[in-house]
Amino acid sequence: MGKIIVKGIKLYAFHGCHEEEQRIGTNYEVDVTAETDLSLASKSDRLDETVDYVVIYDSVKAQMAISSKLIEHVAKRIIDDLMVRIPMITNIKVSVAKLNPPIKGVADRVVAELEETRK
């Protein structure tokens, strides 16, 4: 087993429960950890025997472009999309962080993290 980890995908998107969040948008950061059997790829040096991190990035970018009220919803869409696009993933963890959230106080980010195992 092994993991392909893509950290710090930075995107500007329009998610939130408040109208101004969906209109103005803000910065987000997404991390994805995909578990799979990397034994073949580690020996063969072939891209088709591993999880392609470009596919991960493209999925995150596409799902982040769809406005949602909750970042939990966005994280679940990313998981669902990647489980379809990359059948060799056995377990996936996605965290979506809203940077500088609009709260009455100081917080660098709020993060929703979801994890799913293929059944």
Protein backbone atom coordinates (compact mmCIF):
# COMPACT_ATOMS: atom_id res chain seq x y z
CA MET A 1 0.00 0.00 0.00
CA GLY A 2 0.98 3.61 -0.29
CA LYS A 3 -0.32 7.15 -0.55
CA ILE A 4 -0.30 9.91 -3.11
CA ILE A 5 -0.67 13.21 -1.26
CA VAL A 6 -1.43 16.51 -2.94
CA LYS A 7 -1.15 19.36 -0.44
CA GLY A 8 -1.86 23.04 -0.62
CA ILE A 9 -4.03 23.32 -3.74
CA LYS A 10 -4.82 27.02 -3.61
CA LEU A 11 -7.96 28.27 -5.34
CA TYR A 12 -10.31 31.24 -5.22
CA ALA A 13 -13.93 30.11 -4.98
CA PHE A 14 -17.45 31.18 -4.02
CA HIS A 15 -18.76 29.01 -1.17
CA GLY A 16 -20.68 30.03 1.91
CA CYS A 17 -24.08 30.37 3.55
CA HIS A 18 -24.06 34.17 3.29
CA GLU A 19 -24.93 35.87 0.01
CA GLU A 20 -21.79 38.02 0.08
CA GLU A 21 -19.57 34.92 0.40
CA GLN A 22 -21.07 33.48 -2.77
CA ARG A 23 -20.85 36.84 -4.55
CA ILE A 24 -17.40 38.04 -3.44
CA GLY A 25 -15.63 34.71 -2.85
CA THR A 26 -12.45 34.02 -0.91
CA ASN A 27 -9.31 31.91 -0.87
CA TYR A 28 -9.37 28.17 -0.18
CA GLU A 29 -6.76 25.49 0.28
CA VAL A 30 -7.41 21.81 -0.43
CA ASP A 31 -5.40 18.72 0.55
CA VAL A 32 -6.03 15.24 -0.87
CA THR A 33 -4.57 11.94 0.35
CA ALA A 34 -5.29 8.95 -1.89
CA GLU A 35 -4.35 5.47 -0.70
CA THR A 36 -3.68 2.67 -3.17
CA ASP A 37 -1.33 -0.18 -3.91
CA LEU A 38 1.83 1.48 -5.22
CA SER A 39 3.89 -1.69 -5.51
CA LEU A 40 3.54 -1.99 -9.31
CA ALA A 41 4.27 1.67 -10.03
CA SER A 42 7.24 1.69 -7.67
CA LYS A 43 8.82 -1.09 -9.78
CA SER A 44 7.60 -0.25 -13.28
CA ASP A 45 7.93 3.57 -13.28
CA ARG A 46 4.65 3.73 -15.25
CA LEU A 47 2.06 6.49 -14.74
CA ASP A 48 -0.86 4.20 -15.61
CA GLU A 49 -0.04 2.05 -12.55
CA THR A 50 -0.37 4.86 -10.01
CA VAL A 51 -2.71 7.65 -8.97
CA ASP A 52 -2.11 10.58 -11.33
CA TYR A 53 -1.89 13.74 -9.23
CA VAL A 54 -2.85 15.84 -12.25
CA VAL A 55 -6.24 14.08 -12.25
CA ILE A 56 -6.55 14.91 -8.54
CA TYR A 57 -5.79 18.58 -9.18
CA ASP A 58 -8.21 18.78 -12.12
CA SER A 59 -10.99 17.21 -10.03
CA VAL A 60 -10.42 19.60 -7.13
CA LYS A 61 -10.39 22.60 -9.46
CA ALA A 62 -13.62 21.51 -11.18
CA GLN A 63 -15.49 20.80 -7.94
CA MET A 64 -14.31 24.01 -6.27
CA ALA A 65 -15.74 25.96 -9.24
CA ILE A 66 -19.25 24.77 -8.32
CA SER A 67 -20.67 27.07 -5.64
CA SER A 68 -21.90 25.42 -2.43
CA LYS A 69 -23.08 26.64 0.94
CA LEU A 70 -20.90 24.23 2.91
CA ILE A 71 -17.28 23.23 2.42
CA GLU A 72 -18.28 19.78 3.70
CA HIS A 73 -20.42 19.44 0.59
CA VAL A 74 -17.50 20.43 -1.63
CA ALA A 75 -15.19 17.89 0.07
CA LYS A 76 -17.76 15.11 -0.49
CA ARG A 77 -18.13 16.02 -4.17
CA ILE A 78 -14.35 15.85 -4.59
CA ILE A 79 -14.29 12.41 -2.94
CA ASP A 80 -17.16 11.12 -5.08
CA ASP A 81 -15.57 12.42 -8.29
CA LEU A 82 -12.13 10.97 -7.54
CA MET A 83 -13.53 7.58 -6.53
CA VAL A 84 -15.15 7.39 -9.99
CA ARG A 85 -12.23 8.84 -11.95
CA ILE A 86 -9.54 6.75 -10.23
CA PRO A 87 -10.86 3.25 -9.47
CA MET A 88 -7.55 2.13 -7.91
CA ILE A 89 -8.05 4.45 -4.89
CA THR A 90 -8.89 2.33 -1.84
CA ASN A 91 -9.18 5.15 0.71
CA ILE A 92 -9.31 8.91 0.29
CA LYS A 93 -9.14 11.86 2.64
CA VAL A 94 -9.99 15.40 1.53
CA SER A 95 -9.73 18.60 3.53
CA VAL A 96 -11.14 21.90 2.30
CA ALA A 97 -10.00 25.01 4.19
CA LYS A 98 -11.65 28.41 3.93
CA LEU A 99 -8.93 30.96 4.60
CA ASN A 100 -9.76 34.04 6.68
CA PRO A 101 -13.37 32.99 7.38
CA PRO A 102 -15.98 35.68 8.03
CA ILE A 103 -16.45 35.17 11.77
CA LYS A 104 -16.59 37.59 14.68
CA GLY A 105 -13.07 36.89 15.86
CA VAL A 106 -9.69 35.85 14.57
CA ALA A 107 -9.17 32.53 12.78
CA ASP A 108 -6.73 31.74 9.99
CA ARG A 109 -9.01 29.09 8.50
CA VAL A 110 -11.87 26.72 9.02
CA VAL A 111 -11.43 23.20 7.70
CA ALA A 112 -13.82 20.41 6.77
CA GLU A 113 -12.11 17.02 6.45
CA LEU A 114 -13.85 13.91 5.11
CA GLU A 115 -12.49 10.41 4.61
CA GLU A 116 -13.97 7.49 2.73
CA THR A 117 -12.95 3.89 2.12
CA ARG A 118 -14.00 2.05 -1.01
CA LYS A 119 -16.44 -0.71 -0.18
